[in-house]
PDB file of all heavy atoms in Angstrom:
ATOM      1  N   PRO A   1      22.728  88.942 122.326  1.00  0.00           N
ATOM      2  CA  PRO A   1      22.244  89.068 123.711  1.00  0.00           C
ATOM      3  C   PRO A   1      21.081  89.952 123.809  1.00  0.00           C
ATOM      4  O   PRO A   1      20.975  91.003 123.198  1.00  0.00           O
ATOM      5  CB  PRO A   1      23.436  89.637 124.469  1.00  0.00           C
ATOM      6  CG  PRO A   1      24.669  89.457 123.597  1.00  0.00           C
ATOM      7  CD  PRO A   1      24.126  89.389 122.173  1.00  0.00           C
ATOM      8  N   LYS A   2      20.039  89.547 124.620  1.00  0.00           N
ATOM      9  CA  LYS A   2      18.894  90.378 124.927  1.00  0.00           C
ATOM     10  C   LYS A   2      19.108  91.171 126.171  1.00  0.00           C
ATOM     11  O   LYS A   2      20.103  91.019 126.871  1.00  0.00           O
ATOM     12  CB  LYS A   2      17.646  89.443 125.041  1.00  0.00           C
ATOM     13  CG  LYS A   2      17.266  88.709 123.787  1.00  0.00           C
ATOM     14  CD  LYS A   2      16.137  87.725 123.988  1.00  0.00           C
ATOM     15  CE  LYS A   2      14.792  88.427 123.995  1.00  0.00           C
ATOM     16  NZ  LYS A   2      13.672  87.466 123.982  1.00  0.00           N
ATOM     17  N   GLU A   3      18.156  92.046 126.522  1.00  0.00           N
ATOM     18  CA  GLU A   3      18.242  92.874 127.729  1.00  0.00           C
ATOM     19  C   GLU A   3      18.263  91.951 128.966  1.00  0.00           C
ATOM     20  O   GLU A   3      19.007  92.277 129.906  1.00  0.00           O
ATOM     21  CB  GLU A   3      17.079  93.794 127.791  1.00  0.00           C
ATOM     22  CG  GLU A   3      17.252  95.018 126.876  1.00  0.00           C
ATOM     23  CD  GLU A   3      16.087  96.004 127.067  1.00  0.00           C
ATOM     24  OE1 GLU A   3      15.199  95.744 127.905  1.00  0.00           O
ATOM     25  OE2 GLU A   3      16.117  97.064 126.405  1.00  0.00           O
ATOM     26  N   GLU A   4      17.472  90.918 128.970  1.00  0.00           N
ATOM     27  CA  GLU A   4      17.464  89.998 130.078  1.00  0.00           C
ATOM     28  C   GLU A   4      18.749  89.210 130.157  1.00  0.00           C
ATOM     29  O   GLU A   4      19.158  88.601 129.081  1.00  0.00           O
ATOM     30  CB  GLU A   4      16.255  89.018 130.013  1.00  0.00           C
ATOM     31  CG  GLU A   4      14.915  89.710 129.974  1.00  0.00           C
ATOM     32  CD  GLU A   4      14.385  89.920 128.582  1.00  0.00           C
ATOM     33  OE1 GLU A   4      15.183  90.136 127.687  1.00  0.00           O
ATOM     34  OE2 GLU A   4      13.154  89.824 128.405  1.00  0.00           O
ATOM     35  N   LYS A   5      19.424  89.177 131.277  1.00  0.00           N
ATOM     36  CA  LYS A   5      20.701  88.474 131.365  1.00  0.00           C
ATOM     37  C   LYS A   5      20.549  86.992 131.071  1.00  0.00           C
ATOM     38  O   LYS A   5      19.624  86.339 131.507  1.00  0.00           O
ATOM     39  CB  LYS A   5      21.272  88.638 132.797  1.00  0.00           C
ATOM     40  CG  LYS A   5      21.983  89.985 133.016  1.00  0.00           C
ATOM     41  CD  LYS A   5      22.699  90.036 134.291  1.00  0.00           C
ATOM     42  CE  LYS A   5      23.454  91.356 134.464  1.00  0.00           C
ATOM     43  NZ  LYS A   5      24.162  91.447 135.759  1.00  0.00           N
ATOM     44  N   GLY A   6      21.455  86.493 130.267  1.00  0.00           N
ATOM     45  CA  GLY A   6      21.469  85.043 129.981  1.00  0.00           C
ATOM     46  C   GLY A   6      20.515  84.654 128.826  1.00  0.00           C
ATOM     47  O   GLY A   6      20.492  83.483 128.480  1.00  0.00           O
ATOM     48  N   LYS A   7      19.831  85.637 128.268  1.00  0.00           N
ATOM     49  CA  LYS A   7      18.891  85.309 127.171  1.00  0.00           C
ATOM     50  C   LYS A   7      19.449  85.891 125.835  1.00  0.00           C
ATOM     51  O   LYS A   7      20.094  86.919 125.843  1.00  0.00           O
ATOM     52  CB  LYS A   7      17.520  85.859 127.469  1.00  0.00           C
ATOM     53  CG  LYS A   7      16.808  85.174 128.602  1.00  0.00           C
ATOM     54  CD  LYS A   7      15.331  85.590 128.702  1.00  0.00           C
ATOM     55  CE  LYS A   7      14.617  84.776 129.825  1.00  0.00           C
ATOM     56  NZ  LYS A   7      13.157  85.173 129.873  1.00  0.00           N
ATOM     57  N   PHE A   8      19.132  85.136 124.774  1.00  0.00           N
ATOM     58  CA  PHE A   8      19.657  85.556 123.453  1.00  0.00           C
ATOM     59  C   PHE A   8      18.556  85.539 122.446  1.00  0.00           C
ATOM     60  O   PHE A   8      17.614  84.797 122.508  1.00  0.00           O
ATOM     61  CB  PHE A   8      20.778  84.604 122.998  1.00  0.00           C
ATOM     62  CG  PHE A   8      22.019  84.615 123.926  1.00  0.00           C
ATOM     63  CD1 PHE A   8      22.069  83.856 125.061  1.00  0.00           C
ATOM     64  CD2 PHE A   8      23.042  85.506 123.638  1.00  0.00           C
ATOM     65  CE1 PHE A   8      23.188  83.880 125.875  1.00  0.00           C
ATOM     66  CE2 PHE A   8      24.194  85.530 124.450  1.00  0.00           C
ATOM     67  CZ  PHE A   8      24.218  84.729 125.582  1.00  0.00           C
ATOM     68  N   ARG A   9      18.679  86.426 121.391  1.00  0.00           N
ATOM     69  CA  ARG A   9      17.766  86.496 120.313  1.00  0.00           C
ATOM     70  C   ARG A   9      18.499  85.867 119.112  1.00  0.00           C
ATOM     71  O   ARG A   9      19.564  86.286 118.669  1.00  0.00           O
ATOM     72  CB  ARG A   9      17.399  87.911 119.979  1.00  0.00           C
ATOM     73  CG  ARG A   9      16.549  88.089 118.745  1.00  0.00           C
ATOM     74  CD  ARG A   9      16.184  89.486 118.457  1.00  0.00           C
ATOM     75  NE  ARG A   9      15.192  89.985 119.427  1.00  0.00           N
ATOM     76  CZ  ARG A   9      15.469  90.818 120.406  1.00  0.00           C
ATOM     77  NH1 ARG A   9      16.670  91.273 120.531  1.00  0.00           N
ATOM     78  NH2 ARG A   9      14.526  91.235 121.235  1.00  0.00           N
ATOM     79  N   PRO A  10      17.901  84.759 118.483  1.00  0.00           N
ATOM     80  CA  PRO A  10      18.514  84.163 117.294  1.00  0.00           C
ATOM     81  C   PRO A  10      18.377  85.110 116.073  1.00  0.00           C
ATOM     82  O   PRO A  10      17.298  85.644 115.819  1.00  0.00           O
ATOM     83  CB  PRO A  10      17.711  82.886 117.096  1.00  0.00           C
ATOM     84  CG  PRO A  10      16.412  83.117 117.764  1.00  0.00           C
ATOM     85  CD  PRO A  10      16.651  84.096 118.887  1.00  0.00           C
ATOM     86  N   LEU A  11      19.462  85.262 115.379  1.00  0.00           N
ATOM     87  CA  LEU A  11      19.513  86.058 114.166  1.00  0.00           C
ATOM     88  C   LEU A  11      19.940  85.249 113.043  1.00  0.00           C
ATOM     89  O   LEU A  11      20.892  84.442 113.167  1.00  0.00           O
ATOM     90  CB  LEU A  11      20.456  87.271 114.343  1.00  0.00           C
ATOM     91  CG  LEU A  11      20.387  88.465 113.407  1.00  0.00           C
ATOM     92  CD1 LEU A  11      19.050  89.160 113.607  1.00  0.00           C
ATOM     93  CD2 LEU A  11      21.503  89.413 113.648  1.00  0.00           C
ATOM     94  N   GLY A  12      19.262  85.288 111.891  1.00  0.00           N
ATOM     95  CA  GLY A  12      19.648  84.504 110.742  1.00  0.00           C
ATOM     96  C   GLY A  12      20.306  85.360 109.664  1.00  0.00           C
ATOM     97  O   GLY A  12      19.748  86.392 109.248  1.00  0.00           O
ATOM     98  N   ILE A  13      21.523  85.055 109.235  1.00  0.00           N
ATOM     99  CA  ILE A  13      22.228  85.843 108.231  1.00  0.00           C
ATOM    100  C   ILE A  13      22.285  85.100 106.949  1.00  0.00           C
ATOM    101  O   ILE A  13      23.065  84.149 106.779  1.00  0.00           O
ATOM    102  CB  ILE A  13      23.614  86.174 108.729  1.00  0.00           C
ATOM    103  CG1 ILE A  13      23.595  86.873 110.089  1.00  0.00           C
ATOM    104  CG2 ILE A  13      24.347  87.063 107.705  1.00  0.00           C
ATOM    105  CD1 ILE A  13      24.976  87.138 110.662  1.00  0.00           C
ATOM    106  N   PRO A  14      21.467  85.537 105.958  1.00  0.00           N
ATOM    107  CA  PRO A  14      21.537  84.913 104.629  1.00  0.00           C
ATOM    108  C   PRO A  14      22.838  85.352 103.914  1.00  0.00           C
ATOM    109  O   PRO A  14      23.513  86.353 104.367  1.00  0.00           O
ATOM    110  CB  PRO A  14      20.337  85.465 103.851  1.00  0.00           C
ATOM    111  CG  PRO A  14      19.505  86.141 104.950  1.00  0.00           C
ATOM    112  CD  PRO A  14      20.421  86.581 105.996  1.00  0.00           C
ATOM    113  N   THR A  15      23.232  84.676 102.872  1.00  0.00           N
ATOM    114  CA  THR A  15      24.427  85.115 102.082  1.00  0.00           C
ATOM    115  C   THR A  15      24.081  86.459 101.431  1.00  0.00           C
ATOM    116  O   THR A  15      22.909  86.834 101.292  1.00  0.00           O
ATOM    117  CB  THR A  15      24.739  84.099 100.976  1.00  0.00           C
ATOM    118  OG1 THR A  15      23.675  83.992 100.104  1.00  0.00           O
ATOM    119  CG2 THR A  15      25.035  82.700 101.573  1.00  0.00           C
ATOM    120  N   VAL A  16      25.081  87.139 101.002  1.00  0.00           N
ATOM    121  CA  VAL A  16      24.842  88.449 100.346  1.00  0.00           C
ATOM    122  C   VAL A  16      23.987  88.237  99.095  1.00  0.00           C
ATOM    123  O   VAL A  16      23.110  89.099  98.814  1.00  0.00           O
ATOM    124  CB  VAL A  16      26.201  89.154  99.972  1.00  0.00           C
ATOM    125  CG1 VAL A  16      25.957  90.486  99.322  1.00  0.00           C
ATOM    126  CG2 VAL A  16      27.027  89.324 101.181  1.00  0.00           C
ATOM    127  N   THR A  17      24.266  87.199  98.345  1.00  0.00           N
ATOM    128  CA  THR A  17      23.459  86.908  97.140  1.00  0.00           C
ATOM    129  C   THR A  17      22.013  86.728  97.489  1.00  0.00           C
ATOM    130  O   THR A  17      21.128  87.327  96.830  1.00  0.00           O
ATOM    131  CB  THR A  17      23.975  85.629  96.438  1.00  0.00           C
ATOM    132  OG1 THR A  17      25.359  85.833  96.105  1.00  0.00           O
ATOM    133  CG2 THR A  17      23.191  85.373  95.183  1.00  0.00           C
ATOM    134  N   ASP A  18      21.709  85.913  98.448  1.00  0.00           N
ATOM    135  CA  ASP A  18      20.309  85.713  98.912  1.00  0.00           C
ATOM    136  C   ASP A  18      19.700  87.007  99.457  1.00  0.00           C
ATOM    137  O   ASP A  18      18.492  87.243  99.253  1.00  0.00           O
ATOM    138  CB  ASP A  18      20.257  84.572  99.911  1.00  0.00           C
ATOM    139  CG  ASP A  18      20.573  83.229  99.283  1.00  0.00           C
ATOM    140  OD1 ASP A  18      20.419  83.079  98.068  1.00  0.00           O
ATOM    141  OD2 ASP A  18      20.950  82.295 100.001  1.00  0.00           O
ATOM    142  N   ARG A  19      20.481  87.798 100.129  1.00  0.00           N
ATOM    143  CA  ARG A  19      19.945  89.075 100.682  1.00  0.00           C
ATOM    144  C   ARG A  19      19.529  89.978  99.460  1.00  0.00           C
ATOM    145  O   ARG A  19      18.501  90.657  99.551  1.00  0.00           O
ATOM    146  CB  ARG A  19      21.008  89.811 101.502  1.00  0.00           C
ATOM    147  CG  ARG A  19      21.288  89.134 102.828  1.00  0.00           C
ATOM    148  CD  ARG A  19      21.745  90.069 103.880  1.00  0.00           C
ATOM    149  NE  ARG A  19      23.004  90.758 103.704  1.00  0.00           N
ATOM    150  CZ  ARG A  19      24.243  90.264 104.084  1.00  0.00           C
ATOM    151  NH1 ARG A  19      24.307  89.108 104.664  1.00  0.00           N
ATOM    152  NH2 ARG A  19      25.290  90.940 103.822  1.00  0.00           N
ATOM    153  N   TRP A  20      20.301  89.964  98.376  1.00  0.00           N
ATOM    154  CA  TRP A  20      19.981  90.765  97.192  1.00  0.00           C
ATOM    155  C   TRP A  20      18.679  90.242  96.580  1.00  0.00           C
ATOM    156  O   TRP A  20      17.823  91.099  96.198  1.00  0.00           O
ATOM    157  CB  TRP A  20      21.150  90.712  96.232  1.00  0.00           C
ATOM    158  CG  TRP A  20      20.848  91.405  94.955  1.00  0.00           C
ATOM    159  CD1 TRP A  20      20.743  92.733  94.729  1.00  0.00           C
ATOM    160  CD2 TRP A  20      20.542  90.818  93.665  1.00  0.00           C
ATOM    161  NE1 TRP A  20      20.424  93.021  93.425  1.00  0.00           N
ATOM    162  CE2 TRP A  20      20.309  91.817  92.765  1.00  0.00           C
ATOM    163  CE3 TRP A  20      20.475  89.483  93.215  1.00  0.00           C
ATOM    164  CZ2 TRP A  20      19.965  91.591  91.407  1.00  0.00           C
ATOM    165  CZ3 TRP A  20      20.178  89.234  91.885  1.00  0.00           C
ATOM    166  CH2 TRP A  20      19.914  90.300  91.010  1.00  0.00           C
ATOM    167  N   VAL A  21      18.532  88.930  96.422  1.00  0.00           N
ATOM    168  CA  VAL A  21      17.330  88.442  95.838  1.00  0.00           C
ATOM    169  C   VAL A  21      16.150  88.783  96.741  1.00  0.00           C
ATOM    170  O   VAL A  21      15.093  89.197  96.230  1.00  0.00           O
ATOM    171  CB  VAL A  21      17.440  86.856  95.640  1.00  0.00           C
ATOM    172  CG1 VAL A  21      16.116  86.315  95.084  1.00  0.00           C
ATOM    173  CG2 VAL A  21      18.586  86.528  94.710  1.00  0.00           C
ATOM    174  N   GLN A  22      16.271  88.601  98.018  1.00  0.00           N
ATOM    175  CA  GLN A  22      15.198  88.965  98.974  1.00  0.00           C
ATOM    176  C   GLN A  22      14.857  90.400  98.842  1.00  0.00           C
ATOM    177  O   GLN A  22      13.666  90.747  98.887  1.00  0.00           O
ATOM    178  CB  GLN A  22      15.620  88.664 100.387  1.00  0.00           C
ATOM    179  CG  GLN A  22      15.672  87.178 100.748  1.00  0.00           C
ATOM    180  CD  GLN A  22      15.879  86.952 102.215  1.00  0.00           C
ATOM    181  OE1 GLN A  22      15.579  87.737 103.047  1.00  0.00           O
ATOM    182  NE2 GLN A  22      16.446  85.788 102.588  1.00  0.00           N
ATOM    183  N   GLN A  23      15.842  91.268  98.711  1.00  0.00           N
ATOM    184  CA  GLN A  23      15.600  92.718  98.643  1.00  0.00           C
ATOM    185  C   GLN A  23      14.834  93.049  97.345  1.00  0.00           C
ATOM    186  O   GLN A  23      13.911  93.901  97.366  1.00  0.00           O
ATOM    187  CB  GLN A  23      16.916  93.452  98.657  1.00  0.00           C
ATOM    188  CG  GLN A  23      16.794  94.979  98.683  1.00  0.00           C
ATOM    189  CD  GLN A  23      16.079  95.472  99.941  1.00  0.00           C
ATOM    190  OE1 GLN A  23      16.257  94.983 101.019  1.00  0.00           O
ATOM    191  NE2 GLN A  23      15.222  96.492  99.789  1.00  0.00           N
ATOM    192  N   CYS A  24      15.132  92.377  96.236  1.00  0.00           N
ATOM    193  CA  CYS A  24      14.409  92.553  94.988  1.00  0.00           C
ATOM    194  C   CYS A  24      12.934  92.299  95.191  1.00  0.00           C
ATOM    195  O   CYS A  24      12.031  93.003  94.781  1.00  0.00           O
ATOM    196  CB  CYS A  24      14.927  91.686  93.905  1.00  0.00           C
ATOM    197  SG  CYS A  24      16.555  92.191  93.246  1.00  0.00           S
ATOM    198  N   VAL A  25      12.644  91.143  95.899  1.00  0.00           N
ATOM    199  CA  VAL A  25      11.286  90.698  96.117  1.00  0.00           C
ATOM    200  C   VAL A  25      10.619  91.701  97.148  1.00  0.00           C
ATOM    201  O   VAL A  25       9.434  92.106  96.925  1.00  0.00           O
ATOM    202  CB  VAL A  25      11.217  89.260  96.690  1.00  0.00           C
ATOM    203  CG1 VAL A  25       9.735  88.863  97.002  1.00  0.00           C
ATOM    204  CG2 VAL A  25      11.811  88.299  95.680  1.00  0.00           C
ATOM    205  N   ALA A  26      11.316  92.029  98.220  1.00  0.00           N
ATOM    206  CA  ALA A  26      10.770  92.870  99.271  1.00  0.00           C
ATOM    207  C   ALA A  26      10.306  94.256  98.747  1.00  0.00           C
ATOM    208  O   ALA A  26       9.277  94.775  99.107  1.00  0.00           O
ATOM    209  CB  ALA A  26      11.766  93.071 100.367  1.00  0.00           C
TER     210      ALA A  26
END
């Protein structure tokens, strides 16, 4: 949920494995 009522922010959750690979690159 965003501050504005009725509005939402999309969040993408990668798998833990993909988060680790991304973190290595980042």
